[in-house]
């Protein structure tokens, strides 16, 4: 019987050892930022970017648990893709994004219900005392249970010592990939994913010449990285065009890139066509640090011809005449616009959406801010129109001088608009009046132009230090 027992013992021991081996946790292979061999960042607007990293990995044949550290803190894990560049076949089992980062607060929260060591320092005796305590809670403050008492918070001379860091806490954003590899050893792999937290926008400076007939335009790209990760020596690309995105947890976000203008010679940005978009590549590597804003020169154009326009536009509900005291009329501002065609001077390039800030020099040559406006994506050969503010020396006054109701739906209104010019040179003011329903001008002091189905416009010359009155009578049918 003893001999028989020994024969049974060996297989049982081998089986038990195998079960222990199978139940042992798989050790992680850690890939850090220094394992990156190349980084490419393609940025869209509205906090979206495509990140591509080439990393040197050391994998086992068979199953691997790979911890890819220093990925973006705003990675979209469902978009992550890992492929070998060395010919190995990688088969994904599972992936997890660990974003519960190690902080003193998080560490204390993970130790609720566990034992810690509280160390108190005695300044008089220059000594330390240690005492075990259980963390009962960590809400508005820590609650500690000692062997003989319960205390809240810690005195100034005390600190908590922990036995270790829980495996669920990471010091850096980490993508953990469980995969199979058909080859062992060092190999290069590409990790790509979409991420939030990176964005860019265009800003312009327009310098108006003294005679206000031309301007110089400079453009900048402003990059912002708040993704939680830095990208060292990255190849930077910007995609131009409106990229459609399916609605998700952020339905209002548009992944919208800019139709960027071709770069100035010293900007280093080159442009190429990509599908229905434009792709712009910075010709040199650049570093995008976390929580950093970086500016890159976009374009420079000189001697761009510009036109200046004074414009007074009426309110859409002007026909509600009972709201306007007829004896005083209604004061209206005269707006100032500047316009240039995206084809003259050094332009003729697609311009990105952004804010244009206009400046003009005073008599001593100091540039002063005169206004700003936002432009939409503007292809080449299209006009760019900027509202810079309201004229100080040019004013308007709108007054109803007569009115009659012809029928329930038809009425007539007579209007007088007085324009005053306090400048020492004549100006022309474009007056635009919204007209409801079907309308017809019955009489007028100046010829009008039908500028839209429900609007008429007049170009009214106003002499220097003088006034001009535009009057018209209109019949409308609602």
Protein backbone atom coordinates (compact mmCIF):
# COMPACT_ATOMS: atom_id res chain seq x y z
CA UNK A 1 0.00 0.00 0.00
CA UNK A 2 2.85 2.40 0.71
CA UNK A 3 4.30 1.83 -2.76
CA UNK A 4 0.90 2.38 -4.34
CA UNK A 5 0.50 5.62 -2.36
CA UNK A 6 3.80 6.94 -3.74
CA UNK A 7 2.73 6.20 -7.30
CA UNK A 8 -0.38 8.30 -6.80
CA UNK A 9 1.53 11.06 -5.08
CA UNK A 10 3.66 12.14 -8.07
CA UNK A 11 0.83 12.81 -10.54
CA UNK A 12 -1.15 14.67 -7.89
CA UNK A 13 1.85 16.86 -7.05
CA UNK A 14 2.44 17.63 -10.73
CA UNK A 15 -1.23 18.53 -11.25
CA UNK A 16 -1.21 20.76 -8.18
CA UNK A 17 1.92 22.54 -9.37
CA UNK A 18 0.32 23.08 -12.77
CA UNK A 19 -2.81 24.52 -11.19
CA UNK A 20 -0.71 26.96 -9.14
CA UNK A 21 1.21 27.97 -12.25
CA UNK A 22 -1.98 28.58 -14.19
CA UNK A 23 -3.52 30.65 -11.42
CA UNK A 24 -0.44 32.84 -10.98
CA UNK A 25 -1.06 36.39 -12.31
CA UNK A 26 0.58 37.27 -15.60
CA UNK A 27 3.46 39.70 -15.10
CA UNK A 28 3.14 43.04 -16.89
CA UNK A 29 5.58 44.18 -19.55
CA UNK A 30 5.87 47.93 -19.10
CA UNK A 31 6.48 50.29 -22.04
CA UNK A 32 7.43 53.84 -21.03
CA UNK A 33 7.74 57.14 -22.85
CA UNK A 34 11.43 56.51 -23.47
CA UNK A 35 10.47 53.45 -25.52
CA UNK A 36 8.90 55.73 -28.12
CA UNK A 37 10.98 55.81 -31.27
CA UNK A 38 8.70 58.14 -33.22
CA UNK A 39 5.58 60.21 -32.47
CA UNK A 40 3.15 61.83 -34.91
CA UNK A 41 0.33 64.10 -33.76
CA UNK A 42 -2.45 65.11 -36.16
CA UNK A 43 -4.64 67.79 -34.59
CA UNK A 44 -8.17 68.81 -35.43
CA UNK A 45 -10.21 71.58 -33.85
CA UNK A 46 -12.57 71.16 -30.91
CA UNK A 47 -10.31 68.96 -28.80
CA UNK A 48 -9.57 66.06 -31.12
CA UNK A 49 -6.28 64.56 -32.28
CA UNK A 50 -4.94 61.38 -33.84
CA UNK A 51 -1.85 60.09 -32.01
CA UNK A 52 0.53 57.62 -33.65
CA UNK A 53 3.47 56.22 -31.68
CA UNK A 54 6.16 53.76 -32.67
CA UNK A 55 7.43 51.87 -29.62
CA UNK A 56 10.16 49.29 -29.11
CA UNK A 57 8.57 46.35 -27.28
CA UNK A 58 9.95 43.16 -25.80
CA UNK A 59 7.25 40.49 -26.07
CA UNK A 60 6.99 36.81 -25.20
CA UNK A 61 5.77 34.18 -27.59
CA UNK A 62 2.20 33.53 -26.52
CA UNK A 63 0.27 35.64 -24.06
CA UNK A 64 1.50 39.10 -22.97
CA UNK A 65 0.13 41.69 -20.59
CA UNK A 66 1.48 44.96 -21.99
CA UNK A 67 1.22 48.23 -20.00
CA UNK A 68 1.65 51.17 -22.38
CA UNK A 69 2.40 54.16 -20.16
CA UNK A 70 2.27 57.87 -20.98
CA UNK A 71 -0.63 57.58 -23.39
CA UNK A 72 -2.96 60.57 -23.50
CA UNK A 73 -5.02 61.10 -20.37
CA UNK A 74 -7.99 61.78 -22.67
CA UNK A 75 -7.52 58.77 -24.95
CA UNK A 76 -10.64 57.30 -26.53
CA UNK A 77 -9.83 53.64 -25.73
CA UNK A 78 -12.32 52.28 -28.25
CA UNK A 79 -10.19 53.80 -31.04
CA UNK A 80 -6.87 52.31 -29.93
CA UNK A 81 -5.02 50.05 -32.36
CA UNK A 82 -1.70 48.23 -31.91
CA UNK A 83 0.06 46.61 -34.85
CA UNK A 84 3.49 45.15 -35.30
CA UNK A 85 5.96 46.79 -37.66
CA UNK A 86 8.36 43.85 -37.37
CA UNK A 87 6.25 41.12 -38.93
CA UNK A 88 4.84 39.57 -35.75
CA UNK A 89 1.19 38.63 -35.53
CA UNK A 90 -0.50 40.30 -32.55
CA UNK A 91 -3.93 39.06 -31.45
CA UNK A 92 -5.82 41.21 -28.96
CA UNK A 93 -7.57 39.51 -26.06
CA UNK A 94 -8.57 42.54 -23.97
CA UNK A 95 -7.54 46.13 -23.28
CA UNK A 96 -8.14 48.45 -20.35
CA UNK A 97 -7.45 52.14 -19.89
CA UNK A 98 -6.30 52.91 -16.34
CA UNK A 99 -6.97 56.58 -15.64
CA UNK A 100 -7.27 56.35 -11.84
CA UNK A 101 -4.01 58.21 -11.22
CA UNK A 102 -1.92 58.10 -8.08
CA UNK A 103 -2.44 61.11 -5.81
CA UNK A 104 -2.30 61.43 -1.99
CA UNK A 105 -6.09 61.68 -1.91
CA UNK A 106 -6.61 58.65 -4.16
CA UNK A 107 -4.08 56.58 -2.20
CA UNK A 108 -5.87 57.34 1.07
CA UNK A 109 -9.24 56.45 -0.49
CA UNK A 110 -7.90 53.04 -1.59
CA UNK A 111 -6.81 52.32 1.99
CA UNK A 112 -10.28 52.74 3.52
CA UNK A 113 -10.78 49.62 5.64
CA UNK A 114 -7.05 48.85 5.65
CA UNK A 115 -4.22 49.42 8.12
CA UNK A 116 -1.69 52.25 7.81
CA UNK A 117 1.13 53.54 9.99
CA UNK A 118 0.82 57.01 11.49
CA UNK A 119 4.20 58.60 12.22
CA UNK A 120 4.37 61.51 14.66
CA UNK A 121 7.43 63.71 14.97
CA UNK A 122 8.42 65.14 18.35
CA UNK A 123 10.31 68.38 17.80
CA UNK A 124 11.52 68.64 21.40
CA UNK A 125 13.02 65.22 21.52
CA UNK A 126 13.80 65.07 17.80
CA UNK A 127 12.18 61.62 17.71
CA UNK A 128 9.45 59.79 15.84
CA UNK A 129 6.74 57.51 17.19
CA UNK A 130 4.81 55.02 15.05
CA UNK A 131 1.30 53.71 15.65
CA UNK A 132 -0.95 51.40 13.64
CA UNK A 133 -4.42 52.64 12.64
CA UNK A 134 -7.29 51.56 10.42
CA UNK A 135 -8.68 54.04 7.90
CA UNK A 136 -12.43 54.16 8.55
CA UNK A 137 -13.36 56.87 6.06
CA UNK A 138 -11.96 59.64 3.89
CA UNK A 139 -14.78 61.98 2.94
CA UNK A 140 -14.43 65.57 4.15
CA UNK A 141 -11.45 64.38 6.16
CA UNK A 142 -9.74 61.19 7.24
CA UNK A 143 -11.14 59.11 10.14
CA UNK A 144 -8.61 56.80 11.83
CA UNK A 145 -9.27 54.02 14.34
CA UNK A 146 -6.40 53.31 16.73
CA UNK A 147 -6.25 50.48 19.24
CA UNK A 148 -7.82 52.61 21.98
CA UNK A 149 -9.52 55.54 20.23
CA UNK A 150 -10.84 57.10 17.01
CA UNK A 151 -9.41 60.34 15.65
CA UNK A 152 -10.25 62.61 12.73
CA UNK A 153 -7.66 64.31 10.54
CA UNK A 154 -3.96 64.44 11.32
CA UNK A 155 -2.01 66.90 13.44
CA UNK A 156 0.62 69.04 11.73
CA UNK A 157 3.47 66.89 13.05
CA UNK A 158 2.07 63.59 11.67
CA UNK A 159 2.10 61.75 8.38
CA UNK A 160 0.73 58.48 7.03
CA UNK A 161 2.97 55.66 5.82
CA UNK A 162 1.49 53.07 3.44
CA UNK A 163 2.68 49.52 2.94
CA UNK A 164 2.44 49.66 -0.87
CA UNK A 165 0.57 51.19 -3.81
CA UNK A 166 -2.61 49.38 -4.94
CA UNK A 167 -2.30 47.86 -8.39
CA UNK A 168 -5.37 49.81 -9.54
CA UNK A 169 -3.56 53.14 -9.15
CA UNK A 170 -1.21 54.31 -11.90
CA UNK A 171 1.22 57.19 -11.71
CA UNK A 172 0.69 57.87 -15.43
CA UNK A 173 -2.26 57.27 -17.80
CA UNK A 174 -1.78 53.66 -18.94
CA UNK A 175 -3.33 51.50 -21.64
CA UNK A 176 -3.08 47.84 -20.59
CA UNK A 177 -3.31 45.40 -23.50
CA UNK A 178 -3.75 41.65 -23.09
CA UNK A 179 -2.54 40.07 -26.34
CA UNK A 180 -0.95 37.05 -27.96
CA UNK A 181 2.22 37.26 -30.06
CA UNK A 182 3.45 34.56 -32.39
CA UNK A 183 7.04 35.74 -31.96
CA UNK A 184 9.29 36.44 -28.99
CA UNK A 185 11.89 39.16 -28.57
CA UNK A 186 12.28 42.83 -29.38
CA UNK A 187 10.01 44.25 -32.03
CA UNK A 188 8.68 47.63 -33.10
CA UNK A 189 4.94 48.29 -32.96
CA UNK A 190 2.69 51.23 -33.82
CA UNK A 191 0.07 52.40 -31.35
CA UNK A 192 -2.59 54.74 -32.75
CA UNK A 193 -5.64 56.26 -31.10
CA UNK A 194 -7.91 59.31 -31.05
CA UNK A 195 -7.67 61.64 -28.09
CA UNK A 196 -9.30 64.71 -26.69
CA UNK A 197 -7.38 67.51 -25.05
CA UNK A 198 -5.45 68.71 -28.12
CA UNK A 199 -6.77 71.51 -30.31
CA UNK A 200 -5.70 74.36 -32.53
CA UNK A 201 -7.11 77.58 -33.90
CA UNK A 202 -6.05 80.37 -36.22
CA UNK A 203 -5.48 83.99 -35.23
CA UNK A 204 -4.70 86.91 -37.52
CA UNK A 205 -3.27 90.39 -37.21
CA UNK A 206 -4.36 92.88 -39.89
CA UNK A 207 -2.28 96.08 -40.02
CA UNK A 208 -4.16 98.80 -41.88
CA UNK A 209 -2.07 101.26 -43.90
CA UNK A 210 -2.22 104.98 -43.11
CA UNK A 211 -4.28 105.67 -46.24
CA UNK A 212 -6.58 102.72 -45.37
CA UNK A 213 -6.27 101.36 -48.91
CA UNK A 214 -4.13 98.29 -48.15
CA UNK A 215 -3.34 96.06 -45.20
CA UNK A 216 -0.70 93.55 -44.15
CA UNK A 217 -2.02 90.24 -42.84
CA UNK A 218 -0.15 87.85 -40.53
CA UNK A 219 -1.58 84.52 -39.40
CA UNK A 220 -0.70 82.22 -36.51
CA UNK A 221 -1.73 78.73 -35.49
CA UNK A 222 -2.26 78.41 -31.74
CA UNK A 223 -1.87 74.84 -30.43
CA UNK A 224 -3.09 73.80 -26.99
CA UNK A 225 -2.20 70.54 -25.26
CA UNK A 226 -4.25 69.68 -22.16
CA UNK A 227 -4.32 65.93 -22.78
CA UNK A 228 -2.32 65.02 -19.68
CA UNK A 229 0.70 63.81 -21.69
CA UNK A 230 3.67 65.44 -23.41
CA UNK A 231 4.75 64.54 -26.95
CA UNK A 232 8.49 64.95 -27.46
CA UNK A 233 9.92 65.67 -30.91
CA UNK A 234 6.62 64.91 -32.58
CA UNK A 235 5.78 65.16 -36.26
CA UNK A 236 2.97 67.71 -36.26
CA UNK A 237 0.14 67.68 -38.79
CA UNK A 238 -3.05 69.71 -39.07
CA UNK A 239 -6.07 68.55 -41.04
CA UNK A 240 -8.18 71.15 -42.86
CA UNK A 241 -11.86 70.54 -43.50
CA UNK A 242 -15.04 69.65 -41.62
CA UNK A 243 -14.63 66.07 -40.42
CA UNK A 244 -17.95 64.45 -39.57
CA UNK A 245 -18.29 62.67 -36.23
CA UNK A 246 -21.05 60.41 -35.02
CA UNK A 247 -22.92 61.74 -31.95
CA UNK A 248 -21.63 60.41 -28.64
CA UNK A 249 -21.32 61.66 -25.09
CA UNK A 250 -20.41 65.10 -26.46
CA UNK A 251 -22.99 65.70 -29.22
CA UNK A 252 -22.13 69.38 -29.59
CA UNK A 253 -18.46 68.80 -30.33
CA UNK A 254 -17.46 69.29 -33.96
CA UNK A 255 -14.21 67.71 -35.09
CA UNK A 256 -13.61 70.66 -37.31
CA UNK A 257 -10.25 71.51 -38.79
CA UNK A 258 -9.33 74.57 -40.73
CA UNK A 259 -8.89 75.18 -44.41
CA UNK A 260 -5.52 76.54 -43.65
CA UNK A 261 -3.73 79.06 -45.76
CA UNK A 262 -0.46 78.13 -47.40
CA UNK A 263 2.37 79.05 -45.08
CA UNK A 264 4.78 81.89 -45.29
CA UNK A 265 8.26 80.80 -46.40
CA UNK A 266 9.59 80.79 -42.84
CA UNK A 267 6.62 79.02 -41.23
CA UNK A 268 7.71 75.48 -42.15
CA UNK A 269 4.12 74.39 -42.93
CA UNK A 270 3.50 72.58 -46.21
CA UNK A 271 0.12 71.71 -47.67
CA UNK A 272 -1.22 68.74 -49.59
CA UNK A 273 -4.64 67.39 -50.57
CA UNK A 274 -6.14 64.56 -48.50
CA UNK A 275 -9.51 63.20 -49.58
CA UNK A 276 -11.79 66.30 -49.41
CA UNK A 277 -9.52 68.06 -46.92
CA UNK A 278 -6.12 69.70 -46.75
CA UNK A 279 -3.24 68.26 -44.72
CA UNK A 280 -0.59 70.60 -43.34
CA UNK A 281 2.70 69.30 -42.01
CA UNK A 282 5.27 71.16 -39.95
CA UNK A 283 8.63 70.56 -41.58
CA UNK A 284 10.49 70.11 -38.30
CA UNK A 285 9.80 68.04 -35.15
CA UNK A 286 8.28 69.96 -32.27
CA UNK A 287 7.52 69.18 -28.63
CA UNK A 288 4.00 69.60 -27.30
CA UNK A 289 4.24 69.73 -23.53
CA UNK A 290 1.23 69.04 -21.34
CA UNK A 291 -0.68 72.16 -20.27
CA UNK A 292 1.14 74.25 -22.88
CA UNK A 293 0.09 76.64 -25.62
CA UNK A 294 2.36 76.92 -28.64
CA UNK A 295 2.17 79.26 -31.63
CA UNK A 296 3.41 78.47 -35.13
CA UNK A 297 3.58 80.99 -37.98
CA UNK A 298 0.87 80.34 -40.54
CA UNK A 299 1.01 82.98 -43.28
CA UNK A 300 2.16 86.47 -44.14
CA UNK A 301 0.63 88.67 -46.84
CA UNK A 302 1.54 92.29 -47.66
CA UNK A 303 -0.14 95.08 -49.59
CA UNK A 304 -3.56 93.49 -49.74
CA UNK A 305 -6.05 95.96 -51.29
CA UNK A 306 -8.88 96.78 -48.88
CA UNK A 307 -12.21 98.59 -49.14
CA UNK A 308 -13.88 100.43 -46.29
CA UNK A 309 -17.65 100.52 -45.91
CA UNK A 310 -20.01 102.52 -43.69
CA UNK A 311 -23.26 100.66 -43.21
CA UNK A 312 -26.52 101.44 -41.40
CA UNK A 313 -28.85 98.46 -41.23
CA UNK A 314 -32.46 98.72 -40.11
CA UNK A 315 -34.17 96.61 -37.50
CA UNK A 316 -36.18 93.65 -38.71
CA UNK A 317 -39.34 94.84 -36.91
CA UNK A 318 -39.24 98.43 -38.14
CA UNK A 319 -42.86 98.22 -39.34
CA UNK A 320 -44.01 97.97 -35.70
CA UNK A 321 -44.10 101.75 -35.87
CA UNK A 322 -46.12 102.24 -32.70
CA UNK A 323 -42.96 101.43 -30.74
CA UNK A 324 -41.08 104.42 -32.22
CA UNK A 325 -41.92 107.99 -31.11
CA UNK A 326 -42.45 109.77 -34.45
CA UNK A 327 -41.45 113.18 -33.19
CA UNK A 328 -37.91 112.13 -32.23
CA UNK A 329 -37.20 109.22 -34.49
CA UNK A 330 -34.81 106.41 -33.67
CA UNK A 331 -31.04 106.69 -33.41
CA UNK A 332 -29.11 104.10 -35.39
CA UNK A 333 -25.41 103.32 -35.32
CA UNK A 334 -23.35 103.41 -38.48
CA UNK A 335 -21.14 100.32 -38.56
CA UNK A 336 -17.67 100.24 -40.08
CA UNK A 337 -16.53 97.28 -42.19
CA UNK A 338 -13.33 96.54 -44.06
CA UNK A 339 -13.29 94.02 -46.88
CA UNK A 340 -10.63 92.44 -49.03
CA UNK A 341 -10.62 89.72 -51.66
CA UNK A 342 -8.69 86.56 -50.92
CA UNK A 343 -6.87 86.77 -54.23
CA UNK A 344 -5.03 90.09 -54.22
CA UNK A 345 -1.64 91.11 -52.86
CA UNK A 346 0.12 88.05 -51.45
CA UNK A 347 -3.11 86.17 -50.78
CA UNK A 348 -5.06 83.79 -53.02
CA UNK A 349 -4.89 80.95 -50.47
CA UNK A 350 -7.50 79.11 -48.38
CA UNK A 351 -7.89 80.93 -45.06
CA UNK A 352 -8.80 79.13 -41.84
CA UNK A 353 -11.62 80.10 -39.54
CA UNK A 354 -10.40 82.36 -36.78
CA UNK A 355 -10.35 85.83 -35.25
CA UNK A 356 -8.85 88.75 -37.17
CA UNK A 357 -7.64 91.64 -35.01
CA UNK A 358 -7.16 94.92 -36.83
CA UNK A 359 -4.59 97.61 -35.96
CA UNK A 360 -3.68 101.02 -37.31
CA UNK A 361 -0.74 103.26 -36.42
CA UNK A 362 -1.23 106.65 -34.79
CA UNK A 363 0.67 109.77 -35.84
CA UNK A 364 3.71 108.64 -33.86
CA UNK A 365 3.77 105.24 -35.57
CA UNK A 366 2.41 103.21 -32.67
CA UNK A 367 -0.05 100.46 -33.70
CA UNK A 368 -3.39 100.74 -31.91
CA UNK A 369 -6.16 98.15 -31.76
CA UNK A 370 -9.23 99.25 -33.78
CA UNK A 371 -11.46 96.16 -33.66
CA UNK A 372 -11.79 92.44 -34.32
CA UNK A 373 -14.11 90.01 -36.03
CA UNK A 374 -14.32 86.27 -36.69
CA UNK A 375 -14.09 84.86 -40.20
CA UNK A 376 -15.39 81.51 -41.40
CA UNK A 377 -13.40 79.09 -43.56
CA UNK A 378 -12.66 81.16 -46.67
CA UNK A 379 -11.47 79.52 -49.90
CA UNK A 380 -9.22 81.43 -52.25
CA UNK A 381 -10.86 84.04 -54.50
CA UNK A 382 -13.62 84.66 -51.93
CA UNK A 383 -14.14 88.01 -50.12
CA UNK A 384 -13.26 88.49 -46.46
CA UNK A 385 -15.47 90.97 -44.61
CA UNK A 386 -14.68 92.27 -41.12
CA UNK A 387 -16.80 94.42 -38.83
CA UNK A 388 -14.38 96.55 -36.80
CA UNK A 389 -16.82 98.75 -34.86
CA UNK A 390 -19.21 101.72 -35.04
CA UNK A 391 -18.34 105.10 -36.57
CA UNK A 392 -18.01 107.90 -34.02
CA UNK A 393 -18.42 110.87 -36.40
CA UNK A 394 -21.14 109.41 -38.63
CA UNK A 395 -24.63 109.03 -37.17
CA UNK A 396 -28.10 108.14 -38.39
CA UNK A 397 -31.66 108.89 -37.31
CA UNK A 398 -34.63 106.84 -38.56
CA UNK A 399 -38.11 108.40 -38.48
CA UNK A 400 -41.53 107.43 -39.79
CA UNK A 401 -43.09 110.48 -41.39
CA UNK A 402 -46.37 109.02 -42.67
CA UNK A 403 -48.36 105.81 -42.79
CA UNK A 404 -51.65 104.45 -44.06
CA UNK A 405 -53.50 101.12 -43.92
CA UNK A 406 -54.88 100.24 -47.33
CA UNK A 407 -56.49 96.96 -46.29
CA UNK A 408 -56.15 94.29 -43.64
CA UNK A 409 -52.93 93.02 -45.21
CA UNK A 410 -51.68 96.03 -47.18
CA UNK A 411 -50.15 99.15 -45.68
CA UNK A 412 -47.95 102.06 -46.69
CA UNK A 413 -45.16 103.66 -44.68
CA UNK A 414 -43.10 106.75 -45.38
CA UNK A 415 -39.66 106.95 -43.82
CA UNK A 416 -36.95 109.62 -43.54
CA UNK A 417 -33.39 108.68 -42.56
CA UNK A 418 -31.05 111.55 -41.73
CA UNK A 419 -27.33 110.85 -41.99
CA UNK A 420 -24.86 113.29 -40.41
CA UNK A 421 -21.12 113.38 -41.12
CA UNK A 422 -18.80 115.29 -38.76
CA UNK A 423 -15.64 114.27 -40.66
CA UNK A 424 -13.66 116.71 -42.77
CA UNK A 425 -14.05 114.49 -45.84
CA UNK A 426 -17.16 113.17 -47.62
CA UNK A 427 -18.31 109.59 -47.04
CA UNK A 428 -20.79 107.16 -48.56
CA UNK A 429 -23.11 105.25 -46.24
CA UNK A 430 -24.89 102.11 -47.36
CA UNK A 431 -28.39 102.04 -45.86
CA UNK A 432 -30.07 98.61 -45.74
CA UNK A 433 -33.76 98.37 -44.85
CA UNK A 434 -35.57 95.06 -44.16
CA UNK A 435 -38.97 95.08 -45.91
CA UNK A 436 -41.55 92.44 -44.89
CA UNK A 437 -43.73 90.39 -47.21
CA UNK A 438 -44.31 91.62 -50.74
CA UNK A 439 -43.10 95.21 -51.12
CA UNK A 440 -42.80 98.01 -53.64
CA UNK A 441 -41.04 101.36 -53.36
CA UNK A 442 -43.56 104.00 -54.43
CA UNK A 443 -41.22 106.98 -54.29
CA UNK A 444 -37.72 107.72 -53.02
CA UNK A 445 -35.12 110.51 -52.84
CA UNK A 446 -32.28 108.23 -53.96
CA UNK A 447 -32.42 105.13 -56.19
CA UNK A 448 -32.56 101.84 -54.32
CA UNK A 449 -31.23 98.40 -55.13
CA UNK A 450 -33.08 95.18 -54.31
CA UNK A 451 -30.41 93.50 -52.21
CA UNK A 452 -32.61 90.57 -51.19
CA UNK A 453 -36.14 89.22 -51.27
CA UNK A 454 -36.92 91.20 -48.12
CA UNK A 455 -34.44 94.05 -48.21
CA UNK A 456 -33.58 97.21 -50.17
CA UNK A 457 -30.35 99.20 -50.00
CA UNK A 458 -29.23 102.70 -50.89
CA UNK A 459 -25.72 104.16 -51.23
CA UNK A 460 -26.04 107.66 -49.80
CA UNK A 461 -23.25 110.24 -50.23
CA UNK A 462 -22.86 112.52 -47.21
CA UNK A 463 -20.74 115.68 -47.58
CA UNK A 464 -17.95 116.63 -45.20
CA UNK A 465 -19.33 118.25 -42.05
CA UNK A 466 -22.82 117.95 -43.53
CA UNK A 467 -26.04 115.96 -43.66
CA UNK A 468 -28.09 114.01 -46.20
CA UNK A 469 -31.66 112.72 -45.81
CA UNK A 470 -32.88 109.57 -47.49
CA UNK A 471 -36.66 109.40 -47.81
CA UNK A 472 -38.84 106.69 -49.32
CA UNK A 473 -42.40 105.44 -49.30
CA UNK A 474 -43.05 101.70 -49.44
CA UNK A 475 -46.17 99.59 -49.83
CA UNK A 476 -46.06 96.18 -48.13
CA UNK A 477 -48.44 93.23 -48.25
CA UNK A 478 -48.14 90.69 -45.43
